[in-house]
Amino acid sequence: MSSTYLTLAASTPTSAQKGTMSCWVKRSTLGSTQYLMAWDENSTSYSRLYFNSSDKLAFKSLDGGSNYGELITNRLFRDTSAWYHIVCAIDTTLGTSGDRIKFYVNGVRETSFDTESQPSVNRNLKIGEAAVYIGMAAGAGFSGSMSHINYVDGTQYQASDFGSTDSTTGEWKINTSPSVTYGLNGFFILKDGNSVTDQSGQGNNFTVGGGTLTKTEDCPSNVFATLNPLGHASANFTLIEGNLYSGGADNNWRSIFGTIGSSSGKYYYEMKVIGHNNEHVGIASADQIASCSDSSGKFTDNSFGAEGYSYTSGGQKANNGSEVSWGNSYTTNDIIGVAFDLDNSKLYFSKNGTWQESGDPTSGSTGTGAAYTLVANKIYLPAMASYNAASNMAFNFGNGFFRTTAISSAGTNASGNGIFEYDVPTGYTAVSTKGFNL
């Protein structure tokens, strides 16, 4: 559970009957209550927008312990590889009860609810007037990423005021400069990186109430890979900090995989050893992922397409259940680079910027110093395995951080996509949606 959250002191609102919340979110942890935006006066008087422990979107408003409005979707929100645009639009003055609290997700209005208790006409809700919390309420934080957070005090807007459908791709995209009237307590934050300075013109600047607010390259228009908490073996790992840090597994070999992959192109990512025991890092094919079970061990079956750079008793490479001496050993604080050339079916590894076995990821079909020749025509994703909870690994798929610590010196990256500790080989890019389309 994340401990990072933002706060803004309470003040007199334009309206306690009308307001619109709009935010883009990318989830990490599932199966627990995760608060997005909240106006908390006390434990019995509040309005909160959140994902509940069943991974449903919810809004609830209490006053003195009495429930004056509650919506919970039937729809589940369990995709940790994509961004959601969430809009909660409120106007209790409307004659039609079902329009007083409305949800929109990626531009589409939600109409199917597990719970729908609309407020009475002209009911004041705890919106705009109590202290505001972003990413936290009742001690439960939001685990994931957030961007372009808007609150409009005094008007019920639609999702189309904050986003639009791309005419070419059909995807729902951000309106970076909404034409809305924000009202006295309105705000627009996290527009430019991790800035909490209000961009609405109302001067309602937030402060970081706890934790560390980290800038990320991952955004709704360019989604980067993370480790996938919904994988078969994911229950054996503790994934935190945007699913970019693995807290290790149990005393068995366990594997976990990335959220996105490709069958063509050239890609690069980095892994830093935080806690050293037995680690294994590389790529695996979607075929093998589909065949894995919780006890499947390392992702090393080359018949499916899975190879990695391992540490057990020294530098090794591994596939098809066997390991051979290869490269240098690595330990705590070492950074392993993974370059996979899917156009030429080659895989390379570096240690602290040095390509092992004199590897040259730019050598094309020659494959100079490649650790492996890959099985062609398969979809490959980042992959890792560890034995014992002491094996802790932090991943940088292009966000420029290992955990909450920024890289010490950015390497060159001709693609301009992602920020890495070491130089990205020419022709390679980050494992991201933009990278797939370069």
Protein backbone atom coordinates (compact mmCIF):
# COMPACT_ATOMS: atom_id res chain seq x y z
CA MET A 1 0.00 0.00 0.00
CA SER A 2 1.43 3.35 -1.01
CA SER A 3 2.11 5.97 1.67
CA THR A 4 2.38 8.90 -0.76
CA TYR A 5 -0.49 11.35 -0.73
CA LEU A 6 -1.30 15.03 -1.32
CA THR A 7 -3.32 17.44 0.83
CA LEU A 8 -5.13 20.76 0.56
CA ALA A 9 -6.72 22.60 3.49
CA ALA A 10 -10.48 23.10 3.68
CA SER A 11 -12.13 26.37 2.61
CA THR A 12 -15.55 27.67 1.56
CA PRO A 13 -16.65 26.14 -1.77
CA THR A 14 -18.60 27.56 -4.68
CA SER A 15 -21.10 24.73 -4.18
CA ALA A 16 -21.55 21.64 -2.03
CA GLN A 17 -24.18 20.37 -4.49
CA LYS A 18 -22.27 20.44 -7.77
CA GLY A 19 -18.77 19.32 -8.71
CA THR A 20 -16.74 17.21 -11.13
CA MET A 21 -13.70 15.01 -10.41
CA SER A 22 -11.49 13.93 -13.29
CA CYS A 23 -8.26 11.94 -13.03
CA TRP A 24 -6.13 9.49 -15.00
CA VAL A 25 -4.93 6.50 -13.01
CA LYS A 26 -2.84 3.40 -13.56
CA ARG A 27 -3.35 0.76 -10.89
CA SER A 28 -0.68 -1.43 -9.29
CA THR A 29 -2.09 -3.24 -6.26
CA LEU A 30 -5.42 -5.02 -6.57
CA GLY A 31 -7.85 -6.50 -4.06
CA SER A 32 -7.70 -3.70 -1.48
CA THR A 33 -9.46 -0.38 -0.94
CA GLN A 34 -7.61 2.35 -2.84
CA TYR A 35 -8.65 6.00 -2.49
CA LEU A 36 -8.26 8.44 -5.38
CA MET A 37 -9.83 11.70 -4.14
CA ALA A 38 -11.45 12.45 -0.81
CA TRP A 39 -12.95 15.36 1.10
CA ASP A 40 -12.66 14.26 4.71
CA GLU A 41 -14.12 16.32 7.56
CA ASN A 42 -13.92 13.41 9.99
CA SER A 43 -14.51 9.65 10.06
CA THR A 44 -18.29 10.05 9.70
CA SER A 45 -18.52 13.04 7.35
CA TYR A 46 -16.79 12.78 4.00
CA SER A 47 -17.05 12.21 0.24
CA ARG A 48 -14.65 9.68 -1.30
CA LEU A 49 -13.89 8.40 -4.80
CA TYR A 50 -12.10 5.05 -4.71
CA PHE A 51 -11.65 1.47 -5.86
CA ASN A 52 -13.08 -0.92 -3.29
CA SER A 53 -11.56 -4.22 -2.19
CA SER A 54 -13.47 -6.00 -4.98
CA ASP A 55 -11.76 -3.73 -7.55
CA LYS A 56 -14.96 -1.85 -8.34
CA LEU A 57 -15.16 1.92 -8.79
CA ALA A 58 -17.07 3.60 -5.96
CA PHE A 59 -18.17 6.96 -4.60
CA LYS A 60 -19.62 7.43 -1.13
CA SER A 61 -20.76 10.50 0.78
CA LEU A 62 -21.54 10.50 4.51
CA ASP A 63 -22.65 13.31 6.80
CA GLY A 64 -22.74 12.58 10.51
CA GLY A 65 -22.64 8.87 9.71
CA SER A 66 -25.69 9.00 7.43
CA ASN A 67 -25.24 7.84 3.84
CA TYR A 68 -26.42 10.54 1.43
CA GLY A 69 -25.08 9.08 -1.80
CA GLU A 70 -23.27 5.94 -2.95
CA LEU A 71 -22.39 4.41 -6.33
CA ILE A 72 -20.50 1.14 -6.86
CA THR A 73 -20.03 -0.31 -10.33
CA ASN A 74 -20.57 -3.90 -11.37
CA ARG A 75 -17.56 -3.49 -13.61
CA LEU A 76 -14.17 -4.58 -12.26
CA PHE A 77 -11.02 -2.50 -12.75
CA ARG A 78 -8.17 -5.02 -12.76
CA ASP A 79 -6.04 -3.94 -15.72
CA THR A 80 -2.64 -2.93 -14.31
CA SER A 81 -1.10 -2.35 -17.75
CA ALA A 82 -3.27 0.57 -18.86
CA TRP A 83 -4.48 3.97 -17.72
CA TYR A 84 -8.12 4.66 -16.84
CA HIS A 85 -9.72 8.08 -17.18
CA ILE A 86 -12.15 8.34 -14.27
CA VAL A 87 -14.80 11.08 -14.05
CA CYS A 88 -17.27 11.48 -11.20
CA ALA A 89 -19.79 14.22 -12.00
CA ILE A 90 -22.21 15.48 -9.31
CA ASP A 91 -25.26 17.75 -9.37
CA THR A 92 -27.84 17.12 -6.66
CA THR A 93 -30.13 19.89 -7.99
CA LEU A 94 -31.20 17.77 -10.98
CA GLY A 95 -34.74 16.46 -11.12
CA THR A 96 -33.68 13.09 -12.56
CA SER A 97 -32.31 11.12 -9.64
CA GLY A 98 -30.01 8.91 -11.72
CA ASP A 99 -28.14 11.94 -13.08
CA ARG A 100 -27.11 13.39 -9.72
CA ILE A 101 -23.97 11.24 -9.46
CA LYS A 102 -22.52 9.97 -12.74
CA PHE A 103 -19.41 7.93 -13.55
CA TYR A 104 -17.53 8.01 -16.84
CA VAL A 105 -14.64 5.69 -17.68
CA ASN A 106 -12.52 6.44 -20.75
CA GLY A 107 -15.26 8.69 -22.05
CA VAL A 108 -18.13 6.22 -21.64
CA ARG A 109 -20.81 6.62 -18.98
CA GLU A 110 -21.17 3.72 -16.55
CA THR A 111 -24.76 2.47 -16.30
CA SER A 112 -24.49 -0.87 -14.49
CA PHE A 113 -24.18 -0.69 -10.72
CA ASP A 114 -23.78 -3.08 -7.84
CA THR A 115 -25.02 -0.29 -5.57
CA GLU A 116 -26.83 2.89 -6.60
CA SER A 117 -28.08 5.19 -3.86
CA GLN A 118 -28.52 8.64 -5.35
CA PRO A 119 -28.70 11.72 -3.08
CA SER A 120 -31.97 13.51 -2.50
CA VAL A 121 -32.64 16.64 -4.53
CA ASN A 122 -30.60 19.69 -3.46
CA ARG A 123 -28.65 17.64 -0.94
CA ASN A 124 -25.33 19.18 0.18
CA LEU A 125 -22.46 16.70 -0.03
CA LYS A 126 -19.00 16.88 1.44
CA ILE A 127 -17.41 18.04 -1.80
CA GLY A 128 -15.27 21.14 -2.07
CA GLU A 129 -15.66 22.19 1.56
CA ALA A 130 -13.68 19.67 3.63
CA ALA A 131 -9.91 19.07 3.54
CA VAL A 132 -8.89 17.41 0.26
CA TYR A 133 -6.75 14.28 0.05
CA ILE A 134 -5.35 12.82 -3.17
CA GLY A 135 -4.29 9.18 -3.00
CA MET A 136 -5.25 8.64 0.64
CA ALA A 137 -8.21 8.40 3.04
CA ALA A 138 -8.83 6.55 6.28
CA GLY A 139 -5.22 5.35 6.26
CA ALA A 140 -5.59 3.55 2.91
CA GLY A 141 -3.44 4.86 0.08
CA PHE A 142 -3.59 4.49 -3.68
CA SER A 143 -0.95 2.19 -5.16
CA GLY A 144 -0.14 3.17 -8.72
CA SER A 145 0.26 6.30 -10.82
CA MET A 146 -1.96 9.35 -11.23
CA SER A 147 -1.96 12.17 -13.76
CA HIS A 148 -3.99 15.25 -14.80
CA ILE A 149 -6.14 15.51 -11.68
CA ASN A 150 -8.95 18.03 -12.00
CA TYR A 151 -11.67 19.13 -9.63
CA VAL A 152 -14.33 21.60 -10.73
CA ASP A 153 -16.19 23.28 -7.86
CA GLY A 154 -19.74 24.31 -8.78
CA THR A 155 -20.42 22.61 -12.15
CA GLN A 156 -21.24 19.10 -13.33
CA TYR A 157 -19.23 18.43 -16.49
CA GLN A 158 -19.02 15.42 -18.81
CA ALA A 159 -15.99 13.28 -19.61
CA SER A 160 -15.78 14.94 -23.03
CA ASP A 161 -14.74 18.18 -21.30
CA PHE A 162 -11.55 16.46 -20.10
CA GLY A 163 -10.82 14.04 -22.94
CA SER A 164 -11.61 13.11 -26.52
CA THR A 165 -11.43 10.21 -28.96
CA ASP A 166 -8.41 10.20 -31.25
CA SER A 167 -9.72 10.28 -34.82
CA THR A 168 -6.90 8.02 -36.06
CA THR A 169 -6.48 5.41 -33.32
CA GLY A 170 -9.93 5.51 -31.72
CA GLU A 171 -8.28 5.77 -28.30
CA TRP A 172 -9.50 8.04 -25.53
CA LYS A 173 -6.90 10.76 -24.92
CA ILE A 174 -6.24 13.64 -22.51
CA ASN A 175 -7.48 17.16 -23.04
CA THR A 176 -4.45 18.88 -21.50
CA SER A 177 -6.20 22.27 -21.24
CA PRO A 178 -9.88 21.76 -20.35
CA SER A 179 -12.21 24.68 -21.06
CA VAL A 180 -14.00 24.58 -17.73
CA THR A 181 -14.83 27.04 -14.94
CA TYR A 182 -13.03 25.67 -11.89
CA GLY A 183 -14.82 27.61 -9.11
CA LEU A 184 -13.37 28.73 -5.79
CA ASN A 185 -12.01 25.37 -4.65
CA GLY A 186 -11.28 23.87 -8.06
CA PHE A 187 -7.81 22.69 -8.99
CA PHE A 188 -5.72 21.06 -11.72
CA ILE A 189 -2.53 19.28 -10.58
CA LEU A 190 -0.05 16.68 -11.86
CA LYS A 191 -0.33 18.20 -15.31
CA ASP A 192 3.41 18.61 -15.76
CA GLY A 193 5.23 15.67 -14.21
CA ASN A 194 4.89 15.54 -10.42
CA SER A 195 4.10 19.22 -9.93
CA VAL A 196 1.49 19.88 -7.22
CA THR A 197 1.16 23.54 -8.25
CA ASP A 198 -2.43 24.30 -9.23
CA GLN A 199 -2.78 24.92 -12.99
CA SER A 200 -6.44 25.99 -12.82
CA GLY A 201 -5.69 29.61 -12.01
CA GLN A 202 -7.33 29.32 -8.58
CA GLY A 203 -4.07 29.05 -6.64
CA ASN A 204 -5.11 25.90 -4.78
CA ASN A 205 -1.64 24.39 -4.52
CA PHE A 206 -1.26 21.01 -2.83
CA THR A 207 1.45 19.75 -0.52
CA VAL A 208 2.90 16.25 -0.19
CA GLY A 209 1.35 14.90 3.00
CA GLY A 210 3.50 11.79 3.18
CA GLY A 211 5.78 9.54 1.18
CA THR A 212 7.70 10.48 -1.96
CA LEU A 213 6.00 11.82 -5.07
CA THR A 214 8.02 10.42 -7.96
CA LYS A 215 7.89 11.63 -11.55
CA THR A 216 7.23 8.93 -14.11
CA GLU A 217 7.60 8.79 -17.88
CA ASP A 218 4.66 6.39 -17.89
CA CYS A 219 1.58 8.33 -18.96
CA PRO A 220 -1.76 7.76 -20.71
CA SER A 221 -0.18 8.49 -24.11
CA ASN A 222 2.85 6.20 -23.54
CA VAL A 223 2.33 3.20 -21.30
CA PHE A 224 5.50 1.49 -20.03
CA ALA A 225 5.85 -2.13 -18.98
CA THR A 226 5.69 -3.12 -15.32
CA LEU A 227 5.72 -6.48 -13.55
CA ASN A 228 2.32 -8.13 -13.81
CA PRO A 229 0.56 -8.84 -10.47
CA LEU A 230 -2.05 -10.97 -12.27
CA GLY A 231 0.48 -13.54 -13.50
CA HIS A 232 0.19 -17.15 -12.37
CA ALA A 233 3.01 -16.92 -9.84
CA SER A 234 2.50 -13.31 -8.79
CA ALA A 235 1.06 -14.22 -5.40
CA ASN A 236 4.52 -15.37 -4.37
CA PHE A 237 6.00 -11.88 -4.88
CA THR A 238 5.60 -8.60 -3.05
CA LEU A 239 5.23 -5.96 -5.75
CA ILE A 240 5.34 -2.29 -4.75
CA GLU A 241 6.23 1.14 -6.13
CA GLY A 242 4.23 0.91 -9.31
CA ASN A 243 4.97 -2.81 -9.69
CA LEU A 244 8.58 -1.96 -10.51
CA TYR A 245 10.08 -3.48 -7.36
CA SER A 246 9.89 -7.13 -6.41
CA GLY A 247 10.19 -7.97 -2.75
CA GLY A 248 11.28 -11.52 -3.51
CA ALA A 249 9.52 -14.87 -3.45
CA ASP A 250 9.48 -17.81 -1.05
CA ASN A 251 12.12 -20.51 -0.76
CA ASN A 252 11.40 -21.87 -4.22
CA TRP A 253 12.20 -20.65 -7.69
CA ARG A 254 9.32 -18.46 -8.88
CA SER A 255 8.82 -16.48 -12.07
CA ILE A 256 6.97 -13.29 -12.89
CA PHE A 257 6.56 -11.44 -16.17
CA GLY A 258 6.08 -8.01 -17.69
CA THR A 259 2.75 -6.53 -18.69
CA ILE A 260 3.47 -5.82 -22.36
CA GLY A 261 5.61 -7.32 -25.09
CA SER A 262 6.18 -7.54 -28.82
CA SER A 263 7.11 -9.93 -31.63
CA SER A 264 9.27 -7.45 -33.55
CA GLY A 265 11.52 -4.48 -32.87
CA LYS A 266 14.50 -3.89 -30.55
CA TYR A 267 14.04 -3.18 -26.83
CA TYR A 268 16.09 -2.42 -23.74
CA TYR A 269 15.42 -2.38 -19.99
CA GLU A 270 17.42 -2.42 -16.74
CA MET A 271 17.26 -4.33 -13.45
CA LYS A 272 19.11 -3.30 -10.28
CA VAL A 273 19.91 -5.88 -7.62
CA ILE A 274 18.67 -4.49 -4.29
CA GLY A 275 18.89 -7.68 -2.23
CA HIS A 276 21.14 -10.43 -3.53
CA ASN A 277 20.53 -14.17 -3.25
CA ASN A 278 19.58 -16.06 -6.40
CA GLU A 279 18.24 -14.00 -9.30
CA HIS A 280 17.41 -14.60 -12.91
CA VAL A 281 16.47 -11.87 -15.41
CA GLY A 282 15.66 -11.91 -19.11
CA ILE A 283 12.68 -12.43 -21.39
CA ALA A 284 10.02 -15.07 -21.88
CA SER A 285 7.53 -15.78 -24.62
CA ALA A 286 3.78 -15.47 -24.21
CA ASP A 287 3.60 -19.21 -24.97
CA GLN A 288 5.55 -20.06 -21.85
CA ILE A 289 3.70 -17.58 -19.67
CA ALA A 290 0.42 -19.25 -20.61
CA SER A 291 1.83 -22.62 -19.56
CA CYS A 292 3.23 -21.51 -16.21
CA SER A 293 1.91 -22.51 -12.83
CA ASP A 294 2.80 -21.27 -9.36
CA SER A 295 5.40 -24.02 -9.05
CA SER A 296 6.86 -23.70 -12.54
CA GLY A 297 10.22 -22.44 -11.29
CA LYS A 298 12.42 -20.44 -13.64
CA PHE A 299 11.25 -19.31 -17.06
CA THR A 300 13.89 -21.37 -18.88
CA ASP A 301 12.13 -23.59 -21.40
CA ASN A 302 13.65 -22.69 -24.76
CA SER A 303 11.03 -24.72 -26.62
CA PHE A 304 8.68 -21.92 -25.66
CA GLY A 305 11.28 -19.18 -25.99
CA ALA A 306 12.73 -18.12 -22.64
CA GLU A 307 16.26 -17.16 -21.75
CA GLY A 308 17.97 -15.30 -18.95
CA TYR A 309 21.14 -14.11 -17.22
CA SER A 310 21.37 -15.81 -13.85
CA TYR A 311 23.28 -15.80 -10.60
CA THR A 312 23.44 -19.01 -8.61
CA SER A 313 27.13 -19.55 -7.92
CA GLY A 314 28.57 -17.07 -10.42
CA GLY A 315 27.81 -15.57 -13.81
CA GLN A 316 25.61 -17.91 -15.83
CA LYS A 317 23.07 -18.01 -18.60
CA ALA A 318 20.11 -20.31 -18.45
CA ASN A 319 17.52 -21.93 -20.66
CA ASN A 320 15.69 -25.21 -20.95
CA GLY A 321 16.25 -25.93 -17.27
CA SER A 322 20.07 -25.82 -17.40
CA GLU A 323 22.70 -23.19 -16.64
CA VAL A 324 26.17 -22.75 -18.09
CA SER A 325 28.98 -20.44 -17.10
CA TRP A 326 28.65 -17.12 -18.93
CA GLY A 327 29.59 -13.53 -18.26
CA ASN A 328 30.56 -12.04 -14.91
CA SER A 329 28.82 -12.69 -11.64
CA TYR A 330 26.73 -9.89 -10.20
CA THR A 331 25.72 -8.78 -6.73
CA THR A 332 23.96 -6.07 -4.71
CA ASN A 333 23.74 -2.66 -6.47
CA ASP A 334 24.81 -4.04 -9.84
CA ILE A 335 22.62 -3.03 -12.78
CA ILE A 336 21.85 -5.59 -15.47
CA GLY A 337 20.87 -4.34 -18.93
CA VAL A 338 18.67 -6.53 -21.14
CA ALA A 339 18.61 -5.90 -24.90
CA PHE A 340 16.42 -8.09 -27.06
CA ASP A 341 16.51 -7.80 -30.83
CA LEU A 342 13.34 -9.46 -32.06
CA ASP A 343 14.04 -8.58 -35.69
CA ASN A 344 17.18 -10.75 -35.63
CA SER A 345 16.18 -13.08 -32.76
CA LYS A 346 19.11 -12.20 -30.48
CA LEU A 347 19.39 -11.52 -26.75
CA TYR A 348 22.17 -9.60 -24.97
CA PHE A 349 23.03 -8.75 -21.36
CA SER A 350 25.19 -6.04 -19.83
CA LYS A 351 26.52 -5.53 -16.33
CA ASN A 352 26.95 -1.91 -15.20
CA GLY A 353 27.07 -0.75 -18.81
CA THR A 354 29.49 -3.39 -20.12
CA TRP A 355 28.05 -5.90 -22.58
CA GLN A 356 28.97 -9.37 -21.43
CA GLU A 357 31.06 -11.72 -23.56
CA SER A 358 31.95 -8.71 -25.80
CA GLY A 359 28.35 -8.56 -26.94
CA ASP A 360 27.29 -6.07 -29.61
CA PRO A 361 23.52 -5.53 -29.70
CA THR A 362 23.92 -3.51 -32.92
CA SER A 363 25.49 -6.42 -34.83
CA GLY A 364 22.16 -7.48 -36.34
CA SER A 365 21.90 -10.99 -37.74
CA THR A 366 25.58 -11.66 -36.91
CA GLY A 367 24.68 -11.65 -33.20
CA THR A 368 28.17 -10.85 -31.91
CA GLY A 369 28.40 -11.96 -28.27
CA ALA A 370 24.69 -12.68 -28.01
CA ALA A 371 23.70 -14.81 -25.05
CA TYR A 372 21.05 -16.62 -27.09
CA THR A 373 19.43 -16.94 -30.46
CA LEU A 374 15.71 -16.70 -29.79
CA VAL A 375 12.86 -18.77 -31.13
CA ALA A 376 11.51 -16.60 -33.93
CA ASN A 377 7.98 -15.29 -34.45
CA LYS A 378 6.94 -15.23 -30.82
CA ILE A 379 5.75 -12.43 -28.55
CA TYR A 380 8.39 -11.75 -25.89
CA LEU A 381 7.96 -9.95 -22.58
CA PRO A 382 10.39 -8.99 -19.78
CA ALA A 383 10.73 -11.74 -17.18
CA MET A 384 12.39 -12.40 -13.85
CA ALA A 385 12.74 -15.22 -11.37
CA SER A 386 14.09 -15.41 -7.85
CA TYR A 387 14.71 -17.94 -5.15
CA ASN A 388 14.22 -16.81 -1.55
CA ALA A 389 12.74 -13.58 -0.23
CA ALA A 390 16.26 -12.13 0.02
CA SER A 391 16.30 -11.66 -3.76
CA ASN A 392 14.95 -8.14 -4.28
CA MET A 393 15.05 -6.46 -7.67
CA ALA A 394 14.14 -2.98 -8.93
CA PHE A 395 13.24 -2.49 -12.57
CA ASN A 396 13.63 0.51 -14.84
CA PHE A 397 11.59 0.09 -18.01
CA GLY A 398 12.24 3.72 -18.90
CA ASN A 399 10.95 5.82 -16.02
CA GLY A 400 14.44 6.80 -14.90
CA PHE A 401 14.15 5.47 -11.34
CA PHE A 402 15.15 2.40 -9.38
CA ARG A 403 12.51 2.39 -6.66
CA THR A 404 12.18 6.07 -5.63
CA THR A 405 15.82 6.91 -6.41
CA ALA A 406 16.53 8.60 -9.73
CA ILE A 407 19.28 7.17 -11.90
CA SER A 408 22.65 8.78 -11.21
CA SER A 409 23.49 9.76 -14.81
CA ALA A 410 21.26 9.28 -17.82
CA GLY A 411 22.79 7.35 -20.69
CA THR A 412 22.23 8.25 -24.32
CA ASN A 413 18.99 7.14 -25.94
CA ALA A 414 18.58 8.02 -29.59
CA SER A 415 14.93 6.93 -29.58
CA GLY A 416 14.10 9.63 -27.03
CA ASN A 417 11.77 7.13 -25.37
CA GLY A 418 12.58 6.38 -21.73
CA ILE A 419 15.40 7.35 -19.36
CA PHE A 420 18.03 4.76 -18.44
CA GLU A 421 21.20 4.59 -16.35
CA TYR A 422 23.37 3.39 -19.23
CA ASP A 423 23.50 4.04 -22.96
CA VAL A 424 20.70 2.42 -24.92
CA PRO A 425 22.11 0.57 -27.96
CA THR A 426 21.47 2.36 -31.24
CA GLY A 427 18.18 1.24 -32.74
CA TYR A 428 16.73 0.06 -29.41
CA THR A 429 13.98 1.67 -27.34
CA ALA A 430 11.94 1.22 -24.17
CA VAL A 431 9.34 -1.51 -23.66
CA SER A 432 6.38 0.84 -24.02
CA THR A 433 3.44 1.48 -26.31
CA LYS A 434 5.29 4.37 -27.94
CA GLY A 435 8.30 2.11 -28.38
CA PHE A 436 6.19 -0.42 -30.27
CA ASN A 437 5.10 2.28 -32.72
CA LEU A 438 8.48 3.92 -33.44
